[in-house]
Amino acid sequence: MQQFIDNRLYDTETAKPMGNWQRGFSSERGYISETLYQTPEGEYFLHGEGGPRSRYAQRTAPNTWGYGERLIPFSNEEAHEWAENHLTEDAVHTAFVKKGYDGCMTPMMIHLRCGTAEKLTRLAAEQGRQPSELAEEMIAKGLSAE
């Protein structure tokens, strides 16, 4: 599923799944499945889907509800909180702690020259990492050298 929200494209095909939580079976009316994703840019979103008695239900006709799904953008803190409330401790550790997440992330917009951005994106892809993660590591190393 892909959707533009606030001029940003969220796509479950290109994002990395961080963890999934389900309640019930897909054949049940109250079924819910939620998957936390991280985009290649390092942003988080939730893909939720569910039956006609779930929060994801969609109206199919007057007074008739059916299966539905939607994407919900999350801040870093919301993603971490969702993971702590819905995933196992090991899954949270794998998704956040191993990456050095300390519970505090500050969004910051920076402008890079096109060539620099292309190199960063290519290097991150070669290492199987997010560009934002690699940029943060490089900045931290540069700041600690001072």
C-alpha atoms as a PDB file:
ATOM      1  CA  MET A   1       0.000   0.000   0.000  1.00  0.00           C
ATOM      2  CA  GLN A   2       1.206   3.478  -0.735  1.00  0.00           C
ATOM      3  CA  GLN A   3      -0.254   6.836   0.140  1.00  0.00           C
ATOM      4  CA  PHE A   4       0.726  10.501   0.046  1.00  0.00           C
ATOM      5  CA  ILE A   5       0.286  12.178   3.436  1.00  0.00           C
ATOM      6  CA  ASP A   6       1.379  15.796   3.913  1.00  0.00           C
ATOM      7  CA  ASN A   7       3.253  15.700   0.580  1.00  0.00           C
ATOM      8  CA  ARG A   8       5.263  12.620   1.590  1.00  0.00           C
ATOM      9  CA  LEU A   9       4.985   9.187   0.037  1.00  0.00           C
ATOM     10  CA  TYR A  10       4.603   6.289   2.459  1.00  0.00           C
ATOM     11  CA  ASP A  11       4.997   2.901   0.760  1.00  0.00           C
ATOM     12  CA  THR A  12       4.939  -0.504   2.456  1.00  0.00           C
ATOM     13  CA  GLU A  13       6.832  -2.011  -0.500  1.00  0.00           C
ATOM     14  CA  THR A  14       9.918   0.190  -0.105  1.00  0.00           C
ATOM     15  CA  ALA A  15       9.870   0.655   3.689  1.00  0.00           C
ATOM     16  CA  LYS A  16      11.430  -1.747   6.176  1.00  0.00           C
ATOM     17  CA  PRO A  17       8.983  -3.598   8.477  1.00  0.00           C
ATOM     18  CA  MET A  18      10.049  -3.155  12.110  1.00  0.00           C
ATOM     19  CA  GLY A  19       7.426  -5.359  13.761  1.00  0.00           C
ATOM     20  CA  ASN A  20       3.843  -6.608  13.554  1.00  0.00           C
ATOM     21  CA  TRP A  21       1.015  -6.978  16.073  1.00  0.00           C
ATOM     22  CA  GLN A  22      -2.270  -8.787  15.459  1.00  0.00           C
ATOM     23  CA  ARG A  23      -5.481  -9.379  17.353  1.00  0.00           C
ATOM     24  CA  GLY A  24      -7.794 -12.129  16.221  1.00  0.00           C
ATOM     25  CA  PHE A  25      -8.007 -13.924  12.897  1.00  0.00           C
ATOM     26  CA  SER A  26      -8.463 -12.246   9.521  1.00  0.00           C
ATOM     27  CA  SER A  27     -11.868 -13.927   9.163  1.00  0.00           C
ATOM     28  CA  GLU A  28     -13.163 -12.246  12.358  1.00  0.00           C
ATOM     29  CA  ARG A  29     -15.057  -8.952  12.267  1.00  0.00           C
ATOM     30  CA  GLY A  30     -12.869  -7.388  14.977  1.00  0.00           C
ATOM     31  CA  TYR A  31      -9.559  -8.497  13.458  1.00  0.00           C
ATOM     32  CA  ILE A  32      -6.703  -5.959  13.590  1.00  0.00           C
ATOM     33  CA  SER A  33      -3.188  -6.168  12.162  1.00  0.00           C
ATOM     34  CA  GLU A  34      -0.674  -3.350  12.600  1.00  0.00           C
ATOM     35  CA  THR A  35       2.848  -3.211  11.183  1.00  0.00           C
ATOM     36  CA  LEU A  36       5.388  -0.539  12.039  1.00  0.00           C
ATOM     37  CA  TYR A  37       7.560   0.516   9.081  1.00  0.00           C
ATOM     38  CA  GLN A  38      10.626   2.708   8.632  1.00  0.00           C
ATOM     39  CA  THR A  39      11.090   4.547   5.332  1.00  0.00           C
ATOM     40  CA  PRO A  40      14.465   4.704   3.551  1.00  0.00           C
ATOM     41  CA  GLU A  41      14.670   8.283   4.885  1.00  0.00           C
ATOM     42  CA  GLY A  42      14.350   7.016   8.470  1.00  0.00           C
ATOM     43  CA  GLU A  43      10.756   8.100   9.112  1.00  0.00           C
ATOM     44  CA  TYR A  44       8.209   5.791  10.721  1.00  0.00           C
ATOM     45  CA  PHE A  45       4.634   4.947   9.846  1.00  0.00           C
ATOM     46  CA  LEU A  46       2.044   2.377  10.847  1.00  0.00           C
ATOM     47  CA  HIS A  47       0.095   0.266   8.373  1.00  0.00           C
ATOM     48  CA  GLY A  48      -3.133  -0.830  10.017  1.00  0.00           C
ATOM     49  CA  GLU A  49      -5.825  -3.070   8.646  1.00  0.00           C
ATOM     50  CA  GLY A  50      -8.864  -4.715  10.095  1.00  0.00           C
ATOM     51  CA  GLY A  51     -12.349  -6.081   9.863  1.00  0.00           C
ATOM     52  CA  PRO A  52     -15.694  -4.268   9.920  1.00  0.00           C
ATOM     53  CA  ARG A  53     -15.656  -3.912  13.725  1.00  0.00           C
ATOM     54  CA  SER A  54     -12.124  -2.565  13.929  1.00  0.00           C
ATOM     55  CA  ARG A  55     -10.826   1.004  13.990  1.00  0.00           C
ATOM     56  CA  TYR A  56      -9.751   0.461  10.366  1.00  0.00           C
ATOM     57  CA  ALA A  57     -13.230  -0.432   9.063  1.00  0.00           C
ATOM     58  CA  GLN A  58     -14.396   1.390   5.948  1.00  0.00           C
ATOM     59  CA  ARG A  59     -17.961   2.186   4.954  1.00  0.00           C
ATOM     60  CA  THR A  60     -18.938   0.107   1.922  1.00  0.00           C
ATOM     61  CA  ALA A  61     -22.592   1.209   1.745  1.00  0.00           C
ATOM     62  CA  PRO A  62     -25.061   3.061   3.985  1.00  0.00           C
ATOM     63  CA  ASN A  63     -24.982   1.337   7.388  1.00  0.00           C
ATOM     64  CA  THR A  64     -22.541  -1.263   6.056  1.00  0.00           C
ATOM     65  CA  TRP A  65     -18.910  -1.563   7.082  1.00  0.00           C
ATOM     66  CA  GLY A  66     -16.179  -3.777   5.660  1.00  0.00           C
ATOM     67  CA  TYR A  67     -12.472  -4.489   5.775  1.00  0.00           C
ATOM     68  CA  GLY A  68     -10.285  -1.400   5.725  1.00  0.00           C
ATOM     69  CA  GLU A  69      -6.689  -0.271   5.924  1.00  0.00           C
ATOM     70  CA  ARG A  70      -4.735   2.958   6.293  1.00  0.00           C
ATOM     71  CA  LEU A  71      -1.282   4.407   6.855  1.00  0.00           C
ATOM     72  CA  ILE A  72      -0.506   6.600   9.867  1.00  0.00           C
ATOM     73  CA  PRO A  73       2.733   8.633  10.032  1.00  0.00           C
ATOM     74  CA  PHE A  74       4.527   8.351  13.398  1.00  0.00           C
ATOM     75  CA  SER A  75       7.159  10.500  15.056  1.00  0.00           C
ATOM     76  CA  ASN A  76      10.232   8.661  16.349  1.00  0.00           C
ATOM     77  CA  GLU A  77       8.801   8.814  19.863  1.00  0.00           C
ATOM     78  CA  GLU A  78       5.380   7.505  18.748  1.00  0.00           C
ATOM     79  CA  ALA A  79       7.053   4.632  16.883  1.00  0.00           C
ATOM     80  CA  HIS A  80       9.111   3.695  19.928  1.00  0.00           C
ATOM     81  CA  GLU A  81       6.061   3.891  22.210  1.00  0.00           C
ATOM     82  CA  TRP A  82       3.978   1.766  19.827  1.00  0.00           C
ATOM     83  CA  ALA A  83       6.778  -0.822  19.646  1.00  0.00           C
ATOM     84  CA  GLU A  84       7.099  -0.968  23.440  1.00  0.00           C
ATOM     85  CA  ASN A  85       3.331  -1.501  23.776  1.00  0.00           C
ATOM     86  CA  HIS A  86       2.869  -4.039  20.969  1.00  0.00           C
ATOM     87  CA  LEU A  87       6.116  -5.957  20.381  1.00  0.00           C
ATOM     88  CA  THR A  88       8.229  -8.311  22.445  1.00  0.00           C
ATOM     89  CA  GLU A  89      11.175  -6.909  24.358  1.00  0.00           C
ATOM     90  CA  ASP A  90      13.575  -8.627  21.942  1.00  0.00           C
ATOM     91  CA  ALA A  91      11.821  -7.093  18.918  1.00  0.00           C
ATOM     92  CA  VAL A  92      11.999  -3.604  20.458  1.00  0.00           C
ATOM     93  CA  HIS A  93      15.669  -4.150  21.257  1.00  0.00           C
ATOM     94  CA  THR A  94      16.399  -5.250  17.697  1.00  0.00           C
ATOM     95  CA  ALA A  95      14.453  -2.362  16.156  1.00  0.00           C
ATOM     96  CA  PHE A  96      15.663   0.483  18.362  1.00  0.00           C
ATOM     97  CA  VAL A  97      18.260  -0.277  21.032  1.00  0.00           C
ATOM     98  CA  LYS A  98      20.776  -1.968  18.723  1.00  0.00           C
ATOM     99  CA  LYS A  99      20.668   1.188  16.615  1.00  0.00           C
ATOM    100  CA  GLY A 100      21.616   3.285  19.615  1.00  0.00           C
ATOM    101  CA  TYR A 101      18.184   4.855  20.062  1.00  0.00           C
ATOM    102  CA  ASP A 102      18.125   6.627  23.426  1.00  0.00           C
ATOM    103  CA  GLY A 103      14.512   7.818  23.309  1.00  0.00           C
ATOM    104  CA  CYS A 104      15.362  11.280  22.019  1.00  0.00           C
ATOM    105  CA  MET A 105      15.383  12.227  18.355  1.00  0.00           C
ATOM    106  CA  THR A 106      15.192  15.775  17.044  1.00  0.00           C
ATOM    107  CA  PRO A 107      13.976  16.339  13.491  1.00  0.00           C
ATOM    108  CA  MET A 108      16.342  18.619  11.601  1.00  0.00           C
ATOM    109  CA  MET A 109      16.239  19.679   7.983  1.00  0.00           C
ATOM    110  CA  ILE A 110      19.577  20.192   6.286  1.00  0.00           C
ATOM    111  CA  HIS A 111      20.388  21.001   2.685  1.00  0.00           C
ATOM    112  CA  LEU A 112      23.076  18.967   0.936  1.00  0.00           C
ATOM    113  CA  ARG A 113      24.629  19.503  -2.441  1.00  0.00           C
ATOM    114  CA  CYS A 114      23.190  17.055  -4.971  1.00  0.00           C
ATOM    115  CA  GLY A 115      26.490  15.204  -5.348  1.00  0.00           C
ATOM    116  CA  THR A 116      26.861  14.833  -1.579  1.00  0.00           C
ATOM    117  CA  ALA A 117      23.298  13.550  -1.214  1.00  0.00           C
ATOM    118  CA  GLU A 118      23.835  11.039  -4.030  1.00  0.00           C
ATOM    119  CA  LYS A 119      27.058   9.759  -2.431  1.00  0.00           C
ATOM    120  CA  LEU A 120      25.363   9.454   0.961  1.00  0.00           C
ATOM    121  CA  THR A 121      22.408   7.561  -0.517  1.00  0.00           C
ATOM    122  CA  ARG A 122      24.682   5.228  -2.515  1.00  0.00           C
ATOM    123  CA  LEU A 123      26.980   4.511   0.448  1.00  0.00           C
ATOM    124  CA  ALA A 124      24.018   3.846   2.737  1.00  0.00           C
ATOM    125  CA  ALA A 125      22.494   1.444   0.190  1.00  0.00           C
ATOM    126  CA  GLU A 126      25.817  -0.397  -0.164  1.00  0.00           C
ATOM    127  CA  GLN A 127      25.906  -0.855   3.622  1.00  0.00           C
ATOM    128  CA  GLY A 128      22.210  -1.775   3.870  1.00  0.00           C
ATOM    129  CA  ARG A 129      21.515   1.234   6.098  1.00  0.00           C
ATOM    130  CA  GLN A 130      19.290   4.286   6.123  1.00  0.00           C
ATOM    131  CA  PRO A 131      20.873   7.512   4.787  1.00  0.00           C
ATOM    132  CA  SER A 132      19.799   9.374   7.937  1.00  0.00           C
ATOM    133  CA  GLU A 133      21.485   6.759  10.137  1.00  0.00           C
ATOM    134  CA  LEU A 134      24.733   6.997   8.169  1.00  0.00           C
ATOM    135  CA  ALA A 135      24.638  10.813   8.133  1.00  0.00           C
ATOM    136  CA  GLU A 136      24.086  10.900  11.902  1.00  0.00           C
ATOM    137  CA  GLU A 137      27.053   8.573  12.447  1.00  0.00           C
ATOM    138  CA  MET A 138      29.296  10.702  10.225  1.00  0.00           C
ATOM    139  CA  ILE A 139      28.223  13.927  11.937  1.00  0.00           C
ATOM    140  CA  ALA A 140      28.741  12.407  15.404  1.00  0.00           C
ATOM    141  CA  LYS A 141      32.254  11.254  14.432  1.00  0.00           C
ATOM    142  CA  GLY A 142      33.061  14.688  13.063  1.00  0.00           C
ATOM    143  CA  LEU A 143      31.804  16.407  16.211  1.00  0.00           C
ATOM    144  CA  SER A 144      33.721  14.077  18.532  1.00  0.00           C
ATOM    145  CA  ALA A 145      36.958  14.805  16.633  1.00  0.00           C
ATOM    146  CA  GLU A 146      36.787  18.464  17.705  1.00  0.00           C
END
